[in-house]
């Protein structure tokens, strides 16, 4: 075992572990029409559940990943999660029915929760407060490379070997990240700081965390941010294909949008130490309200298809940009007062935010009517509620 990675390698490793989630979602997007045609020809719209089922499993697994990492160490949980993820991906790739595939995707999401949550706890073990937010911003910069490349990579794999081969790519990705983790990262939680998995301490720690108003508000704001992101991800392929007739070029448009949105990490890293997390979150949610109103007005104005497409691309970019500026900051706000139970706090916050976000996103996706209008209204409502919560966070910061 080496002495551990330097900061650059550490950020890259944490980003790769976190990117397991993005890769597992974004690489599937080009495959959804083929999965629907192969496994649900009578209702191809059900194929979008391939996205939300993974997210649902990830949310459920998140509740356990943190306490387990507090009890047994960060590395063991991340490596065990990678193993579960890989096995489930293999089962999904061999599935002969949509139901089996969806069940495997839920388990795959449970496995992905290990690296996702334990990686956040590792960062909190080593950093705190605004410096933690700065590290998370750098992680997000590297992390956003995956959405840029994943749809095109998924499309290329499908062309060469079929949609089932995408799941083989997930196995390879998980194996590489697990090998890097196992050989380069020392355990960041020493045995004397570990907390056994017992109901009493867990309940007490959870009560302690949820008793803090700032933590509750940050979790709720993160839920709405995730809800907007998942709603967009669930519907985006259908909008490109059915609404605008650009399904073949979707991976390239999506990659370009993700690349532009990746600048949110650079901007957040530059501003967060000076302005604070809550101020930035409040500003981004207010901006999202304005952009969503403009999208709705454009859709109702009867503009030409090409003009609407250009406006949609800009609006989608703002949704991803907003997520990049708010998700890491709300996570940092949540963990800042509860560093002594970082694993549990990450689990509770991540699980609640993710599961509730799926419940917010799924109805919006299923309301797809051939246009982005239901999506735009959904994101407008969610961004309005999130702005109210963020305003309260700013107020709490000011009163100390």
Protein backbone atom coordinates (compact mmCIF):
# COMPACT_ATOMS: atom_id res chain seq x y z
CA UNK A 1 0.00 0.00 0.00
CA UNK A 2 1.31 3.45 -0.90
CA UNK A 3 1.10 6.51 1.34
CA UNK A 4 -1.92 7.62 -0.64
CA UNK A 5 -2.72 9.79 -3.64
CA UNK A 6 -1.95 13.49 -3.96
CA UNK A 7 -4.78 15.98 -4.24
CA UNK A 8 -5.08 15.74 -8.04
CA UNK A 9 -5.20 11.95 -8.03
CA UNK A 10 -7.54 11.99 -5.02
CA UNK A 11 -10.00 14.26 -6.84
CA UNK A 12 -9.82 12.09 -9.95
CA UNK A 13 -10.42 8.89 -7.96
CA UNK A 14 -13.36 10.37 -6.05
CA UNK A 15 -14.78 11.66 -9.32
CA UNK A 16 -14.50 8.23 -10.95
CA UNK A 17 -16.28 6.60 -8.02
CA UNK A 18 -19.01 9.21 -8.14
CA UNK A 19 -19.14 8.92 -11.94
CA UNK A 20 -20.33 5.33 -11.62
CA UNK A 21 -23.81 6.77 -11.14
CA UNK A 22 -23.67 9.14 -14.11
CA UNK A 23 -22.21 6.47 -16.40
CA UNK A 24 -24.89 3.98 -15.34
CA UNK A 25 -27.62 6.45 -16.28
CA UNK A 26 -26.28 8.39 -19.24
CA UNK A 27 -24.83 5.46 -21.19
CA UNK A 28 -28.29 3.85 -21.08
CA UNK A 29 -30.12 6.78 -22.68
CA UNK A 30 -29.39 5.85 -26.33
CA UNK A 31 -30.47 2.27 -25.55
CA UNK A 32 -33.95 3.12 -24.25
CA UNK A 33 -35.78 2.90 -27.61
CA UNK A 34 -34.17 -0.48 -28.34
CA UNK A 35 -34.90 -1.81 -24.86
CA UNK A 36 -38.52 -0.70 -25.20
CA UNK A 37 -38.86 -2.34 -28.62
CA UNK A 38 -37.22 -5.58 -27.43
CA UNK A 39 -38.74 -6.03 -23.98
CA UNK A 40 -41.87 -3.84 -23.91
CA UNK A 41 -43.12 -3.42 -27.48
CA UNK A 42 -46.71 -2.73 -26.38
CA UNK A 43 -45.66 0.23 -24.21
CA UNK A 44 -42.23 1.49 -25.19
CA UNK A 45 -42.56 4.46 -22.81
CA UNK A 46 -41.96 2.02 -19.92
CA UNK A 47 -38.33 1.84 -21.01
CA UNK A 48 -37.66 5.12 -19.20
CA UNK A 49 -38.09 3.13 -15.97
CA UNK A 50 -34.62 1.75 -16.70
CA UNK A 51 -33.36 5.13 -15.49
CA UNK A 52 -35.62 5.63 -12.49
CA UNK A 53 -35.34 2.03 -11.24
CA UNK A 54 -31.57 2.42 -10.98
CA UNK A 55 -31.99 5.71 -9.13
CA UNK A 56 -34.57 4.14 -6.80
CA UNK A 57 -32.17 1.33 -5.88
CA UNK A 58 -29.38 3.81 -5.37
CA UNK A 59 -31.58 5.82 -3.01
CA UNK A 60 -32.51 2.74 -0.99
CA UNK A 61 -28.90 1.53 -0.80
CA UNK A 62 -27.76 4.96 0.24
CA UNK A 63 -29.58 4.58 3.57
CA UNK A 64 -27.34 1.65 4.52
CA UNK A 65 -24.05 2.60 2.86
CA UNK A 66 -23.19 5.38 5.30
CA UNK A 67 -23.77 3.49 8.57
CA UNK A 68 -21.92 0.50 7.17
CA UNK A 69 -18.99 2.69 6.19
CA UNK A 70 -19.00 4.21 9.70
CA UNK A 71 -18.87 0.69 11.18
CA UNK A 72 -16.54 -1.18 8.85
CA UNK A 73 -14.54 1.53 7.09
CA UNK A 74 -14.96 3.40 3.83
CA UNK A 75 -12.96 1.09 1.55
CA UNK A 76 -14.76 -2.13 2.45
CA UNK A 77 -18.14 -0.60 1.70
CA UNK A 78 -16.99 0.90 -1.60
CA UNK A 79 -15.46 -2.38 -2.77
CA UNK A 80 -18.47 -4.45 -1.68
CA UNK A 81 -20.76 -2.03 -3.49
CA UNK A 82 -18.69 -2.36 -6.66
CA UNK A 83 -19.06 -6.16 -6.50
CA UNK A 84 -22.86 -5.99 -6.08
CA UNK A 85 -23.06 -3.43 -8.88
CA UNK A 86 -21.08 -5.65 -11.27
CA UNK A 87 -23.11 -8.80 -10.59
CA UNK A 88 -26.40 -6.94 -11.07
CA UNK A 89 -25.14 -5.37 -14.30
CA UNK A 90 -24.34 -8.82 -15.65
CA UNK A 91 -27.84 -10.06 -14.77
CA UNK A 92 -29.43 -7.03 -16.44
CA UNK A 93 -27.43 -7.65 -19.59
CA UNK A 94 -28.81 -11.19 -19.80
CA UNK A 95 -32.44 -10.31 -18.91
CA UNK A 96 -35.15 -11.63 -21.20
CA UNK A 97 -37.96 -9.49 -19.79
CA UNK A 98 -38.27 -5.86 -18.80
CA UNK A 99 -39.30 -6.87 -15.28
CA UNK A 100 -36.08 -8.82 -14.70
CA UNK A 101 -34.03 -6.02 -16.18
CA UNK A 102 -35.70 -3.45 -13.92
CA UNK A 103 -35.17 -5.62 -10.85
CA UNK A 104 -31.50 -6.01 -11.74
CA UNK A 105 -31.23 -2.26 -12.23
CA UNK A 106 -32.62 -1.69 -8.72
CA UNK A 107 -29.92 -4.00 -7.31
CA UNK A 108 -27.31 -2.33 -9.50
CA UNK A 109 -28.36 0.99 -7.98
CA UNK A 110 -28.04 -0.46 -4.48
CA UNK A 111 -24.47 -1.48 -5.30
CA UNK A 112 -23.65 1.96 -6.75
CA UNK A 113 -24.70 3.56 -3.47
CA UNK A 114 -21.60 2.16 -1.72
CA UNK A 115 -19.00 4.06 -3.76
CA UNK A 116 -21.24 7.12 -4.02
CA UNK A 117 -21.87 7.64 -0.30
CA UNK A 118 -18.62 6.31 1.11
CA UNK A 119 -16.71 8.58 -1.28
CA UNK A 120 -18.54 11.60 0.16
CA UNK A 121 -17.66 10.41 3.65
CA UNK A 122 -13.99 10.04 2.63
CA UNK A 123 -13.98 13.66 1.48
CA UNK A 124 -15.62 14.73 4.75
CA UNK A 125 -13.02 12.71 6.69
CA UNK A 126 -10.28 14.79 5.13
CA UNK A 127 -11.90 18.20 4.55
CA UNK A 128 -14.60 20.40 6.10
CA UNK A 129 -16.78 23.42 5.38
CA UNK A 130 -16.03 25.59 2.37
CA UNK A 131 -12.82 23.70 1.63
CA UNK A 132 -14.92 20.55 1.37
CA UNK A 133 -17.26 22.38 -1.01
CA UNK A 134 -14.21 23.41 -3.04
CA UNK A 135 -13.01 19.79 -3.30
CA UNK A 136 -16.51 18.68 -4.28
CA UNK A 137 -16.50 21.34 -6.99
CA UNK A 138 -13.28 19.94 -8.43
CA UNK A 139 -14.79 16.44 -8.22
CA UNK A 140 -17.82 17.72 -10.15
CA UNK A 141 -15.55 19.13 -12.88
CA UNK A 142 -14.00 15.71 -13.52
CA UNK A 143 -17.33 14.00 -12.88
CA UNK A 144 -19.02 15.94 -15.70
CA UNK A 145 -16.68 14.43 -18.29
CA UNK A 146 -18.73 11.23 -17.97
CA UNK A 147 -22.06 12.69 -19.14
CA UNK A 148 -20.17 14.26 -22.06
CA UNK A 149 -18.80 10.91 -23.22
CA UNK A 150 -21.27 8.33 -21.90
CA UNK A 151 -24.16 8.72 -24.41
CA UNK A 152 -21.80 8.64 -27.39
CA UNK A 153 -19.94 5.68 -25.88
CA UNK A 154 -23.23 3.91 -25.23
CA UNK A 155 -24.37 4.57 -28.81
CA UNK A 156 -21.09 3.24 -30.18
CA UNK A 157 -21.33 0.08 -28.08
CA UNK A 158 -24.91 -0.46 -29.24
CA UNK A 159 -23.89 -0.11 -32.89
CA UNK A 160 -20.98 -2.51 -32.49
CA UNK A 161 -22.43 -5.14 -30.15
CA UNK A 162 -26.07 -4.34 -29.28
CA UNK A 163 -27.69 -2.74 -26.25
CA UNK A 164 -26.87 -5.64 -23.93
CA UNK A 165 -23.15 -4.93 -24.30
CA UNK A 166 -23.64 -1.62 -22.47
CA UNK A 167 -24.01 -3.64 -19.27
CA UNK A 168 -20.68 -5.34 -19.94
CA UNK A 169 -19.14 -1.87 -20.10
CA UNK A 170 -20.56 -1.16 -16.63
CA UNK A 171 -18.77 -4.24 -15.28
CA UNK A 172 -15.45 -3.15 -16.79
CA UNK A 173 -15.84 0.40 -15.44
CA UNK A 174 -16.59 -0.85 -11.92
CA UNK A 175 -13.62 -3.25 -12.01
CA UNK A 176 -11.19 -0.51 -13.01
CA UNK A 177 -12.41 1.92 -10.35
CA UNK A 178 -12.32 -0.81 -7.67
CA UNK A 179 -8.74 -1.72 -8.61
CA UNK A 180 -7.66 1.92 -8.43
CA UNK A 181 -9.36 2.33 -5.06
CA UNK A 182 -7.94 -0.86 -3.59
CA UNK A 183 -4.35 -0.10 -4.55
CA UNK A 184 -4.11 3.67 -4.05
CA UNK A 185 -6.43 4.92 -1.31
CA UNK A 186 -5.65 4.25 2.37
CA UNK A 187 -8.56 3.80 4.77
CA UNK A 188 -9.59 7.26 6.03
CA UNK A 189 -11.65 6.11 9.04
CA UNK A 190 -9.43 4.55 11.72
CA UNK A 191 -10.90 1.81 13.95
CA UNK A 192 -11.10 4.06 17.02
CA UNK A 193 -13.51 6.41 15.20
CA UNK A 194 -15.85 3.72 13.92
CA UNK A 195 -19.42 3.43 15.15
CA UNK A 196 -21.01 -0.02 15.43
CA UNK A 197 -24.26 -0.63 13.57
CA UNK A 198 -26.73 -0.60 16.44
CA UNK A 199 -30.29 0.68 16.32
CA UNK A 200 -29.96 2.91 19.39
CA UNK A 201 -26.92 4.92 18.28
CA UNK A 202 -28.25 5.10 14.72
CA UNK A 203 -31.60 6.45 15.87
CA UNK A 204 -29.92 8.98 18.15
CA UNK A 205 -27.56 10.14 15.42
CA UNK A 206 -30.41 10.48 12.94
CA UNK A 207 -32.46 12.47 15.45
CA UNK A 208 -29.46 14.70 16.13
CA UNK A 209 -28.99 15.41 12.45
CA UNK A 210 -32.65 16.04 11.59
CA UNK A 211 -33.04 18.34 14.61
CA UNK A 212 -30.82 20.92 12.88
CA UNK A 213 -32.99 23.28 10.77
CA UNK A 214 -30.22 23.99 8.28
CA UNK A 215 -29.75 20.28 7.63
CA UNK A 216 -33.46 19.71 7.05
CA UNK A 217 -33.68 22.64 4.64
CA UNK A 218 -30.57 21.53 2.74
CA UNK A 219 -31.91 17.99 2.32
CA UNK A 220 -35.24 19.31 1.03
CA UNK A 221 -33.50 21.67 -1.41
CA UNK A 222 -31.28 18.83 -2.63
CA UNK A 223 -34.37 16.66 -3.15
CA UNK A 224 -35.89 19.25 -5.46
CA UNK A 225 -32.60 19.73 -7.33
CA UNK A 226 -32.31 15.98 -7.88
CA UNK A 227 -35.99 15.88 -8.90
CA UNK A 228 -35.38 18.43 -11.65
CA UNK A 229 -32.28 16.59 -12.84
CA UNK A 230 -33.92 13.14 -12.90
CA UNK A 231 -37.03 14.48 -14.64
CA UNK A 232 -34.86 15.96 -17.37
CA UNK A 233 -32.79 12.79 -17.72
CA UNK A 234 -35.90 10.58 -17.94
CA UNK A 235 -37.49 12.65 -20.70
CA UNK A 236 -34.57 14.04 -22.67
CA UNK A 237 -34.12 11.19 -25.16
CA UNK A 238 -37.84 11.21 -26.01
CA UNK A 239 -37.83 14.98 -26.47
CA UNK A 240 -34.88 14.84 -28.85
CA UNK A 241 -36.33 11.90 -30.79
CA UNK A 242 -40.11 12.38 -30.78
CA UNK A 243 -40.48 16.15 -30.39
CA UNK A 244 -37.60 17.35 -32.52
CA UNK A 245 -36.73 14.30 -34.68
CA UNK A 246 -33.08 14.36 -33.65
CA UNK A 247 -32.75 10.96 -31.99
CA UNK A 248 -29.76 9.93 -34.11
CA UNK A 249 -27.73 12.97 -33.05
CA UNK A 250 -28.92 12.90 -29.44
CA UNK A 251 -25.62 11.55 -27.93
CA UNK A 252 -23.66 14.41 -29.48
CA UNK A 253 -26.09 17.13 -28.42
CA UNK A 254 -26.25 15.65 -24.92
CA UNK A 255 -22.47 15.51 -24.70
CA UNK A 256 -22.15 19.12 -25.80
CA UNK A 257 -24.75 20.26 -23.29
CA UNK A 258 -22.98 18.36 -20.50
CA UNK A 259 -19.63 19.87 -21.52
CA UNK A 260 -20.99 23.41 -21.29
CA UNK A 261 -22.73 22.63 -17.99
CA UNK A 262 -19.43 21.31 -16.61
CA UNK A 263 -18.28 24.91 -16.28
CA UNK A 264 -20.59 25.12 -13.25
CA UNK A 265 -17.94 23.30 -11.23
CA UNK A 266 -15.26 25.83 -12.21
CA UNK A 267 -17.55 28.74 -11.34
CA UNK A 268 -18.63 27.20 -8.05
CA UNK A 269 -15.04 26.51 -7.01
CA UNK A 270 -14.17 30.13 -7.75
CA UNK A 271 -17.12 31.65 -5.88
CA UNK A 272 -18.08 29.34 -3.02
CA UNK A 273 -15.33 30.33 -0.59
CA UNK A 274 -16.05 34.03 -1.09
CA UNK A 275 -19.86 34.04 -1.27
CA UNK A 276 -20.87 30.93 0.66
CA UNK A 277 -22.88 27.89 -0.30
CA UNK A 278 -26.39 29.09 0.55
CA UNK A 279 -26.09 32.32 -1.47
CA UNK A 280 -25.02 30.44 -4.58
CA UNK A 281 -27.80 27.86 -4.20
CA UNK A 282 -30.42 30.61 -3.82
CA UNK A 283 -29.12 32.45 -6.89
CA UNK A 284 -29.19 29.31 -9.05
CA UNK A 285 -32.74 28.33 -8.12
CA UNK A 286 -33.97 31.84 -8.88
CA UNK A 287 -32.24 31.72 -12.25
CA UNK A 288 -33.87 28.34 -12.95
CA UNK A 289 -37.30 29.86 -12.33
CA UNK A 290 -36.60 32.56 -14.94
CA UNK A 291 -35.27 30.14 -17.56
CA UNK A 292 -38.20 27.74 -17.08
CA UNK A 293 -40.72 30.56 -17.51
CA UNK A 294 -38.99 31.52 -20.76
CA UNK A 295 -39.15 27.90 -21.94
CA UNK A 296 -42.88 27.70 -21.25
CA UNK A 297 -43.55 31.02 -23.02
CA UNK A 298 -41.59 29.83 -26.05
CA UNK A 299 -43.54 26.56 -26.19
CA UNK A 300 -46.88 28.37 -25.98
CA UNK A 301 -45.90 31.01 -28.55
CA UNK A 302 -46.02 28.58 -31.49
CA UNK A 303 -42.45 29.15 -32.65
CA UNK A 304 -40.89 27.07 -35.40
CA UNK A 305 -39.45 23.66 -34.59
CA UNK A 306 -35.85 24.76 -35.14
CA UNK A 307 -36.21 27.82 -32.92
CA UNK A 308 -37.89 25.76 -30.19
CA UNK A 309 -35.11 23.19 -30.39
CA UNK A 310 -32.45 25.87 -29.90
CA UNK A 311 -34.32 27.27 -26.90
CA UNK A 312 -34.77 23.77 -25.45
CA UNK A 313 -31.03 23.06 -25.73
CA UNK A 314 -30.23 26.28 -23.86
CA UNK A 315 -32.85 25.52 -21.20
CA UNK A 316 -31.63 21.95 -20.72
CA UNK A 317 -28.12 23.31 -20.28
CA UNK A 318 -29.37 25.60 -17.50
CA UNK A 319 -30.95 22.63 -15.68
CA UNK A 320 -27.67 20.69 -15.72
CA UNK A 321 -25.70 23.84 -14.82
CA UNK A 322 -28.00 24.51 -11.90
CA UNK A 323 -27.57 20.93 -10.66
CA UNK A 324 -23.79 21.35 -10.78
CA UNK A 325 -24.04 24.51 -8.67
CA UNK A 326 -26.55 23.24 -6.11
CA UNK A 327 -26.15 19.51 -5.42
CA UNK A 328 -22.58 19.68 -4.10
CA UNK A 329 -23.31 22.81 -2.09
CA UNK A 330 -26.44 21.42 -0.46
CA UNK A 331 -24.50 18.25 0.41
CA UNK A 332 -21.79 20.37 2.03
CA UNK A 333 -24.36 22.38 3.99
CA UNK A 334 -25.90 19.13 5.21
CA UNK A 335 -22.62 17.60 6.38
CA UNK A 336 -20.94 20.70 7.81
CA UNK A 337 -22.54 20.53 11.31
CA UNK A 338 -22.44 16.73 11.55
CA UNK A 339 -18.89 15.78 10.61
CA UNK A 340 -18.63 13.34 13.53
CA UNK A 341 -21.36 11.19 11.88
CA UNK A 342 -20.48 11.96 8.26
CA UNK A 343 -21.27 8.48 6.94
CA UNK A 344 -24.72 8.32 8.52
CA UNK A 345 -25.48 11.91 7.56
CA UNK A 346 -24.51 11.20 3.94
CA UNK A 347 -26.73 8.13 3.94
CA UNK A 348 -29.82 9.76 5.42
CA UNK A 349 -29.54 12.88 3.28
CA UNK A 350 -28.71 10.98 0.11
CA UNK A 351 -31.40 8.36 0.61
CA UNK A 352 -34.18 10.79 1.42
CA UNK A 353 -33.22 13.17 -1.37
CA UNK A 354 -32.84 10.45 -4.00
CA UNK A 355 -35.95 8.39 -3.23
CA UNK A 356 -38.18 11.46 -2.95
CA UNK A 357 -36.62 12.90 -6.11
CA UNK A 358 -37.61 9.75 -8.03
CA UNK A 359 -41.16 10.26 -6.79
CA UNK A 360 -41.03 13.82 -8.09
CA UNK A 361 -39.40 12.94 -11.41
CA UNK A 362 -41.37 9.84 -12.43
CA UNK A 363 -44.79 11.53 -12.78
CA UNK A 364 -43.26 14.33 -14.82
CA UNK A 365 -41.64 11.81 -17.15
CA UNK A 366 -44.81 9.76 -17.54
CA UNK A 367 -46.75 12.93 -18.45
CA UNK A 368 -44.71 13.27 -21.65
CA UNK A 369 -47.17 14.23 -24.39
CA UNK A 370 -44.84 14.65 -27.33
CA UNK A 371 -43.68 18.09 -26.16
CA UNK A 372 -41.42 19.37 -23.34
CA UNK A 373 -44.30 21.38 -21.83
CA UNK A 374 -45.06 19.03 -18.88
CA UNK A 375 -41.34 18.86 -18.15
CA UNK A 376 -41.02 22.65 -18.19
CA UNK A 377 -43.97 23.13 -15.85
CA UNK A 378 -42.63 20.47 -13.48
CA UNK A 379 -39.19 22.05 -13.29
CA UNK A 380 -40.73 25.51 -12.81
CA UNK A 381 -42.73 24.29 -9.81
CA UNK A 382 -39.78 22.45 -8.28
CA UNK A 383 -37.37 25.37 -8.76
CA UNK A 384 -39.87 27.74 -7.15
CA UNK A 385 -40.16 25.54 -4.06
CA UNK A 386 -36.39 25.08 -3.94
CA UNK A 387 -35.83 28.84 -4.09
CA UNK A 388 -38.04 29.31 -1.03
CA UNK A 389 -35.99 26.75 0.89
CA UNK A 390 -32.70 28.31 -0.23
CA UNK A 391 -33.91 31.76 0.83
CA UNK A 392 -34.44 30.35 4.31
CA UNK A 393 -30.91 28.86 4.29
CA UNK A 394 -29.48 32.28 3.44
CA UNK A 395 -31.47 33.79 6.31
CA UNK A 396 -30.13 31.19 8.77
CA UNK A 397 -26.57 31.93 7.62
CA UNK A 398 -27.04 35.63 8.24
CA UNK A 399 -28.40 35.22 11.74
CA UNK A 400 -25.53 32.94 12.58
